Amino acid sequence: MTGRFAPTPSGRMHIGNAYAMLAAWLDARSRGERMVLRIEDIDRPRVLPDADRWIMDDLAWLGLDWDGEPVYQSARLDRYEEALRALEDRHPPLIYPCFCSRADIRAASAPQEGDGFQIYPGTCSRLWRDHPDQARARLARGDRHSLRIAMPDAGAAAFEDRVYGPQRYRLAHDIGDSVVRRADGLFAYQFVVTVDDLDMGVTSLVRGPSPAHPAHAHLPLIENAAGRRLAKRERSLDMGALRARGVLSGQVVGLCAWLLGLIPASEPCAPADLLDGFGWQALRAHHPDRILAPDGPHVPRWLAEALG
C-alpha cells in the first residue's frame, strides 16, 4: 500500500497545501503504508526555480517525511511517450487529434454551472469518425492540434470516497473526451499522473485523480473570507511568509488538524501526535468548505495577523 505527495513546484506551499499533505501523510502512515514524493513539474512554463527545494524543506519543517528519492515528472517523458503509443495502437483507436481552440469549445458547449468545467462537445471526434480524410489532411498540413482520449458512451466510474461517500460518473456525459497531449506538445496533467500512480503502485489518494482501484478521500476546500479557494498567490499564507513571521511548525500542523476535524481547537501539535486513532469519520460527518477569515471565532491569533 502506498500514499503520495504530489506537489507542483509553481510556488511556495500554503496553508491549503499543508492541510492536504498532512491528511495524505496521516492516511498512509496510520496504516503503515509507504509515502512517496512526486514533483509534478510536467507543465514547465509554471515551474519556478528552486520551488521543489522549498517544498521539500517545508515538508521536513512540518514533520512530514517520505520514502525513497523524489520522482520528477520531467525525467519520465519517455515513459509518457510509451504509454501514449500504447493508447494510440489500440483497436478501435482511443486517441484522436483535436483541432478545436478554447474559443471553439466555449462556443459549442452548453453553459456549465460550478467551477466553469466544460464537457468537450465531441466536434473532432465526429470529424475523425465521419471524415477521417479531412482530419488526416489537416494533420498533413501541420494544423495545430491536441490529442484527446475517447470516453465510451456506456462507460462509468464508481468509487467510495471516504469523505463524501459513494460517487459515480458517466464518463462521456460527466467527464468527456480529455486531452492527453496539449497543442503545445506538453503532456496533460490528468494523463501523466495516472501513468505515474500506476507505475508507482499508489493505492491511496487524498485529493487525487483516479488510476485503477485506489482509495479516495477528497477534502473540503479551504477558502478565504471572500469565499475564494486559497492559492499560491496569497503570499501571506505561504510557508515562507509564515516562517519569517516566527510561526512554528506545530502551530501550522495544529491548524490543519483542526480543519480536518481531528482536534476540537487549533492547538500546536506534531503530525506523529495525530496518528493514533486517525480516521475520516469526523470529516465524513461534517464537510462544508472551511473558511479562514481574520475575525473567525476559532482562528488563532497568529493566523488572524497573517490574514490581516
Protein backbone atom coordinates (compact mmCIF):
# COMPACT_ATOMS: atom_id res chain seq x y z
CA MET A 1 0.00 0.00 0.00
CA THR A 2 1.36 3.41 -0.96
CA GLY A 3 0.29 7.02 -0.48
CA ARG A 4 1.84 10.06 -2.11
CA PHE A 5 2.62 13.73 -2.00
CA ALA A 6 2.36 15.22 -5.49
CA PRO A 7 3.09 18.97 -5.35
CA THR A 8 3.52 21.25 -8.35
CA PRO A 9 6.66 23.40 -7.98
CA SER A 10 4.94 26.61 -9.06
CA GLY A 11 5.46 28.41 -5.78
CA ARG A 12 5.75 28.05 -2.04
CA MET A 13 3.42 25.71 -0.13
CA HIS A 14 0.50 27.49 1.54
CA ILE A 15 -1.94 26.51 4.28
CA GLY A 16 -4.20 24.64 1.85
CA ASN A 17 -1.28 22.53 0.61
CA ALA A 18 -0.14 21.78 4.16
CA TYR A 19 -3.71 20.74 5.07
CA ALA A 20 -3.89 18.30 2.13
CA MET A 21 -0.40 16.92 2.67
CA LEU A 22 -0.94 16.35 6.37
CA ALA A 23 -4.11 14.41 5.52
CA ALA A 24 -2.27 12.31 2.93
CA TRP A 25 0.61 11.60 5.34
CA LEU A 26 -1.70 10.60 8.20
CA ASP A 27 -3.79 8.43 5.90
CA ALA A 28 -0.71 6.48 4.77
CA ARG A 29 1.35 6.39 7.96
CA SER A 30 -1.57 5.45 10.22
CA ARG A 31 -1.85 2.19 8.25
CA GLY A 32 1.89 1.61 7.99
CA GLU A 33 1.97 2.46 4.28
CA ARG A 34 4.83 3.83 2.23
CA MET A 35 4.72 7.52 1.34
CA VAL A 36 6.31 8.69 -1.91
CA LEU A 37 7.06 12.21 -3.13
CA ARG A 38 6.48 13.13 -6.76
CA ILE A 39 7.39 16.58 -8.06
CA GLU A 40 4.80 17.33 -10.73
CA ASP A 41 6.86 19.59 -12.98
CA ILE A 42 5.39 18.45 -16.30
CA ASP A 43 3.97 21.93 -17.04
CA ARG A 44 7.33 23.61 -17.50
CA PRO A 45 6.04 27.19 -18.01
CA ARG A 46 4.55 27.11 -14.48
CA VAL A 47 7.65 25.78 -12.74
CA LEU A 48 9.62 28.22 -10.58
CA PRO A 49 13.35 27.64 -9.99
CA ASP A 50 14.04 26.16 -6.54
CA ALA A 51 10.34 25.66 -5.75
CA ASP A 52 10.91 21.91 -5.43
CA ARG A 53 13.60 22.58 -2.81
CA TRP A 54 11.28 24.96 -0.93
CA ILE A 55 8.53 22.33 -0.90
CA MET A 56 10.80 19.61 0.44
CA ASP A 57 12.18 21.97 3.09
CA ASP A 58 8.65 22.92 4.18
CA LEU A 59 7.56 19.26 4.33
CA ALA A 60 10.56 18.44 6.53
CA TRP A 61 9.83 21.50 8.72
CA LEU A 62 6.25 20.30 9.20
CA GLY A 63 7.44 16.80 10.13
CA LEU A 64 6.05 15.10 7.01
CA ASP A 65 8.54 12.54 5.72
CA TRP A 66 8.53 10.32 2.65
CA ASP A 67 10.24 7.13 1.45
CA GLY A 68 12.94 6.99 -1.20
CA GLU A 69 14.10 9.67 -3.59
CA PRO A 70 11.67 12.21 -5.07
CA VAL A 71 10.39 11.35 -8.53
CA TYR A 72 10.34 14.18 -11.09
CA GLN A 73 7.82 14.04 -13.91
CA SER A 74 10.25 15.91 -16.17
CA ALA A 75 12.52 12.84 -16.01
CA ARG A 76 9.75 10.49 -17.19
CA LEU A 77 8.92 11.87 -20.64
CA ASP A 78 9.97 8.64 -22.40
CA ARG A 79 7.57 6.69 -20.20
CA TYR A 80 4.69 9.01 -21.09
CA GLU A 81 5.52 8.63 -24.79
CA GLU A 82 5.40 4.86 -24.36
CA ALA A 83 2.03 5.00 -22.60
CA LEU A 84 0.61 7.31 -25.27
CA ARG A 85 1.77 4.96 -28.06
CA ALA A 86 0.05 2.07 -26.29
CA LEU A 87 -3.23 4.00 -26.37
CA GLU A 88 -2.74 5.05 -29.99
CA ASP A 89 -2.16 1.42 -31.02
CA ARG A 90 -5.46 0.20 -29.54
CA HIS A 91 -8.21 -1.04 -31.86
CA PRO A 92 -10.61 0.62 -32.14
CA PRO A 93 -8.40 3.71 -31.63
CA LEU A 94 -8.78 5.56 -28.35
CA ILE A 95 -6.77 8.67 -29.29
CA TYR A 96 -7.77 11.24 -31.88
CA PRO A 97 -6.50 14.70 -32.92
CA CYS A 98 -8.50 17.74 -31.82
CA PHE A 99 -8.16 20.98 -33.79
CA CYS A 100 -10.54 22.99 -31.59
CA SER A 101 -9.39 26.14 -29.84
CA ARG A 102 -10.73 27.08 -26.41
CA ALA A 103 -12.98 29.62 -28.10
CA ASP A 104 -14.35 26.89 -30.38
CA ILE A 105 -15.12 24.69 -27.37
CA ARG A 106 -16.82 27.52 -25.46
CA ALA A 107 -18.95 28.36 -28.47
CA ALA A 108 -20.03 24.74 -28.98
CA SER A 109 -20.62 23.86 -25.32
CA ALA A 110 -23.70 24.35 -23.21
CA PRO A 111 -23.15 26.65 -20.21
CA GLN A 112 -21.92 24.75 -17.18
CA GLU A 113 -22.53 25.53 -13.53
CA GLY A 114 -19.99 25.31 -10.72
CA ASP A 115 -16.32 25.93 -11.36
CA GLY A 116 -16.56 26.52 -15.10
CA PHE A 117 -15.64 22.99 -16.17
CA GLN A 118 -16.81 22.34 -19.72
CA ILE A 119 -17.52 18.97 -21.31
CA TYR A 120 -15.85 18.69 -24.70
CA PRO A 121 -18.68 18.62 -27.28
CA GLY A 122 -17.05 15.95 -29.46
CA THR A 123 -16.55 18.08 -32.57
CA CYS A 124 -13.29 16.46 -33.68
CA SER A 125 -14.37 13.01 -32.54
CA ARG A 126 -17.15 13.22 -35.13
CA LEU A 127 -14.71 14.63 -37.69
CA TRP A 128 -12.30 11.73 -37.14
CA ARG A 129 -15.15 9.19 -37.27
CA ASP A 130 -17.13 10.59 -40.21
CA HIS A 131 -14.49 12.41 -42.28
CA PRO A 132 -11.10 10.83 -41.49
CA ASP A 133 -9.60 12.03 -44.78
CA GLN A 134 -10.27 15.66 -43.81
CA ALA A 135 -8.67 15.11 -40.41
CA ARG A 136 -5.59 13.47 -41.96
CA ALA A 137 -5.30 16.31 -44.47
CA ARG A 138 -5.25 18.83 -41.62
CA LEU A 139 -2.58 16.80 -39.85
CA ALA A 140 -0.53 16.61 -43.04
CA ARG A 141 -0.51 20.39 -43.43
CA GLY A 142 0.53 20.87 -39.83
CA ASP A 143 -2.62 22.32 -38.31
CA ARG A 144 -2.21 22.94 -34.57
CA HIS A 145 -3.92 20.20 -32.56
CA SER A 146 -4.09 18.43 -29.24
CA LEU A 147 -4.72 14.72 -28.67
CA ARG A 148 -7.81 13.50 -26.83
CA ILE A 149 -8.85 10.14 -25.42
CA ALA A 150 -12.34 8.97 -26.35
CA MET A 151 -14.66 8.11 -23.49
CA PRO A 152 -17.03 5.16 -24.06
CA ASP A 153 -20.69 6.18 -24.28
CA ALA A 154 -21.73 3.47 -21.83
CA GLY A 155 -18.69 3.76 -19.58
CA ALA A 156 -18.97 4.70 -15.92
CA ALA A 157 -16.57 5.10 -13.00
CA ALA A 158 -17.74 4.44 -9.46
CA PHE A 159 -15.85 4.63 -6.19
CA GLU A 160 -16.37 5.15 -2.48
CA ASP A 161 -14.99 8.48 -1.34
CA ARG A 162 -14.02 8.23 2.31
CA VAL A 163 -15.29 11.76 2.96
CA TYR A 164 -18.14 12.28 0.50
CA GLY A 165 -19.42 8.73 0.22
CA PRO A 166 -20.44 6.85 -2.97
CA GLN A 167 -19.55 8.61 -6.23
CA ARG A 168 -20.48 7.66 -9.77
CA TYR A 169 -19.59 9.41 -13.04
CA ARG A 170 -20.82 8.68 -16.54
CA LEU A 171 -17.56 9.15 -18.39
CA ALA A 172 -18.83 10.52 -21.69
CA HIS A 173 -21.56 12.68 -20.13
CA ASP A 174 -19.85 13.95 -16.94
CA ILE A 175 -16.16 13.97 -17.94
CA GLY A 176 -15.97 13.98 -21.73
CA ASP A 177 -13.02 13.26 -24.00
CA SER A 178 -10.00 14.53 -22.08
CA VAL A 179 -6.81 15.98 -23.54
CA VAL A 180 -3.81 13.68 -23.12
CA ARG A 181 -1.36 15.86 -25.05
CA ARG A 182 -1.78 19.60 -25.36
CA ALA A 183 -1.46 21.59 -28.57
CA ASP A 184 1.86 23.00 -27.32
CA GLY A 185 3.26 19.46 -27.15
CA LEU A 186 3.18 19.11 -23.36
CA PHE A 187 1.53 16.05 -21.85
CA ALA A 188 -1.68 16.77 -19.98
CA TYR A 189 -1.58 16.60 -16.19
CA GLN A 190 -4.51 14.14 -15.93
CA PHE A 191 -2.74 11.71 -18.25
CA VAL A 192 0.70 11.70 -16.65
CA VAL A 193 -0.49 11.47 -13.04
CA THR A 194 -2.49 8.37 -13.92
CA VAL A 195 0.57 6.77 -15.52
CA ASP A 196 2.69 7.80 -12.53
CA ASP A 197 0.28 6.46 -9.91
CA LEU A 198 0.02 3.12 -11.70
CA ASP A 199 3.79 2.83 -12.12
CA MET A 200 4.50 3.85 -8.53
CA GLY A 201 1.90 1.50 -7.05
CA VAL A 202 -0.07 4.31 -5.44
CA THR A 203 -3.18 2.90 -3.79
CA SER A 204 -4.32 5.73 -1.54
CA LEU A 205 -5.18 9.18 -2.89
CA VAL A 206 -6.06 12.29 -0.93
CA ARG A 207 -7.41 14.99 -3.25
CA GLY A 208 -6.13 12.97 -6.19
CA PRO A 209 -7.12 11.83 -9.71
CA SER A 210 -8.23 8.30 -10.48
CA PRO A 211 -5.96 5.45 -11.53
CA ALA A 212 -7.11 1.82 -11.35
CA HIS A 213 -8.60 0.98 -7.93
CA PRO A 214 -7.26 3.38 -5.32
CA ALA A 215 -8.88 4.52 -2.11
CA HIS A 216 -10.12 8.11 -2.45
CA ALA A 217 -10.53 10.93 0.03
CA HIS A 218 -11.41 14.35 -1.34
CA LEU A 219 -11.11 17.16 1.18
CA PRO A 220 -13.35 20.20 1.70
CA LEU A 221 -11.86 23.34 0.19
CA ILE A 222 -10.09 25.95 2.30
CA GLU A 223 -11.39 29.40 1.35
CA ASN A 224 -10.58 32.95 2.36
CA ALA A 225 -13.07 35.47 3.75
CA ALA A 226 -14.20 36.37 0.22
CA GLY A 227 -15.09 32.74 -0.50
CA ARG A 228 -12.17 32.12 -2.89
CA ARG A 229 -10.08 28.96 -2.69
CA LEU A 230 -6.67 29.54 -1.14
CA ALA A 231 -4.00 29.75 -3.81
CA LYS A 232 -0.26 30.29 -4.01
CA ARG A 233 -0.83 33.92 -4.99
CA GLU A 234 -1.87 34.60 -1.37
CA ARG A 235 1.69 35.02 -0.23
CA SER A 236 0.81 35.95 3.37
CA LEU A 237 -0.23 32.34 3.98
CA ASP A 238 2.65 30.55 2.31
CA MET A 239 5.12 28.67 4.45
CA GLY A 240 7.95 31.10 3.71
CA ALA A 241 5.96 34.12 4.90
CA LEU A 242 4.63 32.31 7.97
CA ARG A 243 8.05 31.02 8.97
CA ALA A 244 9.51 34.51 8.54
CA ARG A 245 6.86 35.82 10.95
CA GLY A 246 8.02 33.30 13.56
CA VAL A 247 5.08 30.92 13.21
CA LEU A 248 6.04 27.46 14.48
CA SER A 249 5.52 24.24 12.55
CA GLY A 250 3.36 22.85 15.35
CA GLN A 251 1.00 25.80 15.02
CA VAL A 252 0.51 25.11 11.30
CA VAL A 253 0.04 21.38 11.92
CA GLY A 254 -2.46 22.09 14.69
CA LEU A 255 -4.46 24.42 12.45
CA CYS A 256 -4.56 21.79 9.69
CA ALA A 257 -5.55 19.07 12.17
CA TRP A 258 -8.42 21.27 13.36
CA LEU A 259 -9.52 21.90 9.77
CA LEU A 260 -9.51 18.12 9.26
CA GLY A 261 -11.74 17.66 12.29
CA LEU A 262 -9.07 15.71 14.18
CA ILE A 263 -8.85 18.01 17.22
CA PRO A 264 -11.51 20.33 18.73
CA ALA A 265 -9.43 23.52 18.53
CA SER A 266 -6.36 24.81 16.71
CA GLU A 267 -3.65 23.89 19.21
CA PRO A 268 0.03 23.20 18.40
CA CYS A 269 0.90 19.56 17.79
CA ALA A 270 3.14 17.33 15.66
CA PRO A 271 1.95 15.00 12.87
CA ALA A 272 3.02 11.96 14.91
CA ASP A 273 0.68 13.08 17.73
CA LEU A 274 -2.28 12.56 15.38
CA LEU A 275 -1.52 9.04 14.17
CA ASP A 276 -3.21 7.15 16.99
CA GLY A 277 -6.87 6.78 16.09
CA PHE A 278 -6.65 8.73 12.83
CA GLY A 279 -9.72 8.31 10.67
CA TRP A 280 -12.12 10.09 8.33
CA GLN A 281 -15.23 9.80 10.49
CA ALA A 282 -15.40 13.42 11.70
CA LEU A 283 -14.81 14.86 8.24
CA ARG A 284 -17.28 12.47 6.66
CA ALA A 285 -19.94 13.50 9.17
CA HIS A 286 -19.42 17.24 8.58
CA HIS A 287 -17.61 18.51 5.50
CA PRO A 288 -18.61 22.02 4.42
CA ASP A 289 -15.84 24.11 2.89
CA ARG A 290 -13.58 25.67 5.51
CA ILE A 291 -13.38 29.49 5.64
CA LEU A 292 -10.38 31.26 7.12
CA ALA A 293 -11.22 34.86 8.00
CA PRO A 294 -9.31 37.20 10.36
CA ASP A 295 -12.38 37.54 12.60
CA GLY A 296 -13.32 33.86 12.54
CA PRO A 297 -14.33 32.61 16.01
CA HIS A 298 -11.83 29.73 16.02
CA VAL A 299 -8.98 31.30 14.03
CA PRO A 300 -5.79 31.50 16.14
CA ARG A 301 -4.17 34.89 16.63
CA TRP A 302 -1.10 34.15 14.53
CA LEU A 303 -3.30 33.26 11.57
CA ALA A 304 -5.59 36.27 12.06
CA GLU A 305 -2.50 38.51 11.96
CA ALA A 306 -1.30 36.83 8.76
CA LEU A 307 -4.72 37.14 7.15
CA GLY A 308 -4.89 40.71 8.48
